[in-house]
């Protein structure tokens, strides 16, 4: 007479304990829609919308700190310019845009505080998203900033060029202080409606 082995051995119980969380993680991961609305997430295009801006009109405000007055988004997150951007076109896509999400908008961006509405414009990124520019510079947030007012990306050389805070006049704040190390991770667009890009490195 043939009998089936019992499933009471320790290896089987461990397999069930390990398999259950893995199954749950896989189920949660596959439930995503592929959209991008937060730091570090990216769709197939490699472009990531800045938090608080996906599906809404972007707001550009100002914040004052130890490095002076600089631009932030409507949630108080620091905005940066990328020295590799030229002629109002973004050179940051793919992994760069995942680490430095472009500030996008679904309408005409709004200025507040010391930010000047006359310096705001938009460009169309390769993926079709509308990115906000200021004084001709495409604007980005940084995934290494965990709270409003953080400036951890200041002076970073990630992705081959410097990242700088942006003053209300539209020029980079190039002093080297930062809210942390500024050495976090280290990219195109078409149709610019803003002015020329910068030449800082």
Protein backbone atom coordinates (compact mmCIF):
# COMPACT_ATOMS: atom_id res chain seq x y z
CA UNK A 1 0.00 0.00 0.00
CA UNK A 2 1.32 3.48 -0.95
CA UNK A 3 1.04 6.44 1.46
CA UNK A 4 1.63 10.12 0.70
CA UNK A 5 4.25 11.93 2.77
CA UNK A 6 2.93 14.32 5.38
CA UNK A 7 3.43 18.08 5.05
CA UNK A 8 4.42 18.53 8.63
CA UNK A 9 8.17 18.88 8.19
CA UNK A 10 9.90 22.17 9.16
CA UNK A 11 10.93 22.89 5.57
CA UNK A 12 7.32 22.87 4.40
CA UNK A 13 6.15 25.20 7.17
CA UNK A 14 9.03 27.61 6.37
CA UNK A 15 8.10 27.51 2.69
CA UNK A 16 4.52 28.51 3.52
CA UNK A 17 5.67 31.29 5.85
CA UNK A 18 8.09 32.67 3.24
CA UNK A 19 5.75 32.19 0.28
CA UNK A 20 2.82 34.06 1.84
CA UNK A 21 4.61 37.46 2.17
CA UNK A 22 6.19 37.07 -1.26
CA UNK A 23 2.78 36.40 -2.79
CA UNK A 24 1.31 39.44 -1.04
CA UNK A 25 4.16 41.67 -2.23
CA UNK A 26 3.77 40.43 -5.79
CA UNK A 27 0.02 41.04 -5.67
CA UNK A 28 0.50 44.59 -4.37
CA UNK A 29 3.20 45.38 -6.93
CA UNK A 30 1.09 44.18 -9.85
CA UNK A 31 -1.86 46.34 -8.79
CA UNK A 32 -0.16 49.59 -9.92
CA UNK A 33 -1.52 51.50 -12.87
CA UNK A 34 1.86 52.53 -14.26
CA UNK A 35 1.15 56.21 -13.65
CA UNK A 36 3.66 58.44 -11.97
CA UNK A 37 2.73 60.74 -9.17
CA UNK A 38 5.48 60.56 -6.57
CA UNK A 39 9.19 60.73 -5.96
CA UNK A 40 11.18 58.11 -7.71
CA UNK A 41 8.30 56.48 -9.53
CA UNK A 42 8.46 56.46 -13.27
CA UNK A 43 6.38 55.32 -16.19
CA UNK A 44 7.76 53.73 -19.30
CA UNK A 45 8.87 57.13 -20.57
CA UNK A 46 11.39 57.65 -17.78
CA UNK A 47 9.82 60.98 -16.80
CA UNK A 48 8.38 61.42 -13.35
CA UNK A 49 6.01 64.13 -12.26
CA UNK A 50 6.92 66.10 -9.18
CA UNK A 51 4.66 65.30 -6.19
CA UNK A 52 1.62 67.51 -5.93
CA UNK A 53 1.82 68.53 -9.57
CA UNK A 54 0.55 65.49 -11.45
CA UNK A 55 -2.91 66.29 -12.74
CA UNK A 56 -2.91 69.82 -11.35
CA UNK A 57 -1.66 73.32 -12.01
CA UNK A 58 1.87 73.78 -10.67
CA UNK A 59 2.55 76.55 -8.18
CA UNK A 60 6.01 78.10 -7.83
CA UNK A 61 6.67 79.81 -4.50
CA UNK A 62 9.74 80.99 -2.59
CA UNK A 63 11.48 80.02 0.63
CA UNK A 64 14.21 81.85 2.52
CA UNK A 65 17.03 79.98 4.23
CA UNK A 66 20.77 80.09 4.90
CA UNK A 67 21.49 80.19 1.15
CA UNK A 68 19.09 83.05 0.46
CA UNK A 69 15.65 83.07 -1.14
CA UNK A 70 14.98 80.24 -3.59
CA UNK A 71 12.10 78.65 -5.49
CA UNK A 72 9.90 75.85 -4.13
CA UNK A 73 6.83 74.08 -5.45
CA UNK A 74 3.37 74.48 -3.92
CA UNK A 75 4.22 71.87 -1.26
CA UNK A 76 7.36 73.74 -0.17
CA UNK A 77 9.72 71.28 -1.89
CA UNK A 78 12.90 72.90 -3.21
CA UNK A 79 13.15 73.43 -6.97
CA UNK A 80 16.45 73.01 -8.80
CA UNK A 81 17.90 73.81 -12.21
CA UNK A 82 20.26 71.42 -14.00
CA UNK A 83 23.38 73.01 -15.48
CA UNK A 84 23.33 70.54 -18.40
CA UNK A 85 20.01 71.93 -19.68
CA UNK A 86 20.54 74.24 -22.66
CA UNK A 87 18.25 76.52 -24.62
CA UNK A 88 15.31 75.84 -22.32
CA UNK A 89 15.38 72.11 -23.11
CA UNK A 90 15.66 69.37 -20.49
CA UNK A 91 18.72 67.12 -20.58
CA UNK A 92 17.31 64.99 -17.73
CA UNK A 93 15.33 61.86 -18.55
CA UNK A 94 15.25 58.19 -17.57
CA UNK A 95 17.16 57.52 -14.35
CA UNK A 96 17.91 61.23 -14.04
CA UNK A 97 14.19 62.13 -14.09
CA UNK A 98 13.50 59.38 -11.56
CA UNK A 99 15.99 60.94 -9.11
CA UNK A 100 15.19 64.55 -10.09
CA UNK A 101 11.45 64.58 -10.97
CA UNK A 102 10.51 67.38 -13.39
CA UNK A 103 7.99 69.91 -12.09
CA UNK A 104 5.02 69.30 -14.38
CA UNK A 105 1.72 71.09 -14.76
CA UNK A 106 -1.73 70.59 -16.28
CA UNK A 107 -2.23 74.27 -17.06
CA UNK A 108 -0.52 77.64 -16.80
CA UNK A 109 1.80 77.59 -13.76
CA UNK A 110 1.13 80.07 -10.97
CA UNK A 111 3.69 82.27 -9.14
CA UNK A 112 3.47 83.12 -5.44
CA UNK A 113 5.66 84.90 -2.91
CA UNK A 114 8.75 86.47 -4.51
CA UNK A 115 8.44 84.24 -7.61
CA UNK A 116 7.67 86.24 -10.78
CA UNK A 117 4.85 85.10 -13.08
CA UNK A 118 6.66 86.74 -16.02
CA UNK A 119 9.53 84.24 -15.64
CA UNK A 120 7.26 81.18 -15.70
CA UNK A 121 6.78 79.22 -18.92
CA UNK A 122 6.53 75.58 -20.00
CA UNK A 123 8.21 73.11 -22.33
CA UNK A 124 6.97 69.81 -23.70
CA UNK A 125 9.09 66.83 -22.67
CA UNK A 126 9.75 63.88 -24.98
CA UNK A 127 7.05 61.89 -23.16
CA UNK A 128 4.51 64.65 -23.80
CA UNK A 129 4.44 65.94 -20.21
CA UNK A 130 4.43 69.72 -19.70
CA UNK A 131 7.40 70.81 -17.58
CA UNK A 132 7.55 74.19 -15.85
CA UNK A 133 10.48 76.51 -16.60
CA UNK A 134 11.58 79.62 -14.75
CA UNK A 135 13.74 82.19 -16.49
CA UNK A 136 14.23 79.59 -19.23
CA UNK A 137 15.43 76.85 -16.85
CA UNK A 138 13.43 73.62 -16.58
CA UNK A 139 12.58 73.01 -12.92
CA UNK A 140 13.04 69.81 -10.90
CA UNK A 141 12.55 68.52 -7.38
CA UNK A 142 14.93 66.00 -5.79
CA UNK A 143 14.07 62.62 -4.28
CA UNK A 144 16.81 63.12 -1.69
CA UNK A 145 14.80 65.96 -0.13
CA UNK A 146 12.48 64.36 2.39
CA UNK A 147 10.72 67.48 3.70
CA UNK A 148 9.75 70.98 2.67
CA UNK A 149 12.78 73.30 2.78
CA UNK A 150 15.37 70.51 2.39
CA UNK A 151 18.20 71.43 -0.01
CA UNK A 152 20.10 68.14 -0.15
CA UNK A 153 20.57 68.39 -3.93
CA UNK A 154 22.35 71.75 -3.84
CA UNK A 155 25.70 71.56 -5.61
CA UNK A 156 25.30 67.88 -6.57
CA UNK A 157 27.12 66.77 -9.73
CA UNK A 158 24.73 63.89 -10.36
CA UNK A 159 24.18 62.93 -14.02
CA UNK A 160 27.18 64.90 -15.26
CA UNK A 161 26.46 68.51 -14.27
CA UNK A 162 25.67 70.67 -11.25
CA UNK A 163 22.24 71.08 -9.67
CA UNK A 164 21.51 74.49 -8.17
CA UNK A 165 18.76 76.21 -6.23
CA UNK A 166 17.00 78.89 -8.28
CA UNK A 167 16.69 82.49 -7.09
CA UNK A 168 13.53 84.57 -7.75
CA UNK A 169 15.55 86.42 -10.43
CA UNK A 170 15.96 83.12 -12.29
CA UNK A 171 19.69 82.75 -11.64
CA UNK A 172 21.31 79.81 -9.85
CA UNK A 173 22.33 80.10 -6.21
CA UNK A 174 25.79 78.55 -6.45
CA UNK A 175 26.94 78.71 -2.84
CA UNK A 176 28.00 75.24 -1.76
CA UNK A 177 26.08 74.84 1.50
CA UNK A 178 23.34 72.23 1.50
CA UNK A 179 20.83 70.67 3.85
CA UNK A 180 22.89 67.43 3.78
CA UNK A 181 25.66 65.94 1.72
CA UNK A 182 24.32 66.90 -1.72
CA UNK A 183 26.05 63.86 -3.19
CA UNK A 184 23.01 61.78 -4.10
CA UNK A 185 22.39 59.95 -7.44
CA UNK A 186 23.80 61.01 -10.69
CA UNK A 187 19.47 62.93 -19.56
CA UNK A 188 15.35 65.57 -23.57
CA UNK A 189 12.51 67.87 -24.44
CA UNK A 190 11.10 69.78 -27.34
CA UNK A 191 9.37 73.05 -27.97
CA UNK A 192 10.45 75.69 -25.47
CA UNK A 193 8.39 78.68 -24.56
CA UNK A 194 11.02 80.01 -22.14
CA UNK A 195 14.36 81.78 -22.61
CA UNK A 196 17.88 80.37 -22.80
CA UNK A 197 19.28 77.78 -20.44
CA UNK A 198 22.26 78.28 -18.19
CA UNK A 199 25.91 77.56 -18.57
CA UNK A 200 26.92 76.75 -15.00
CA UNK A 201 28.96 73.77 -13.97
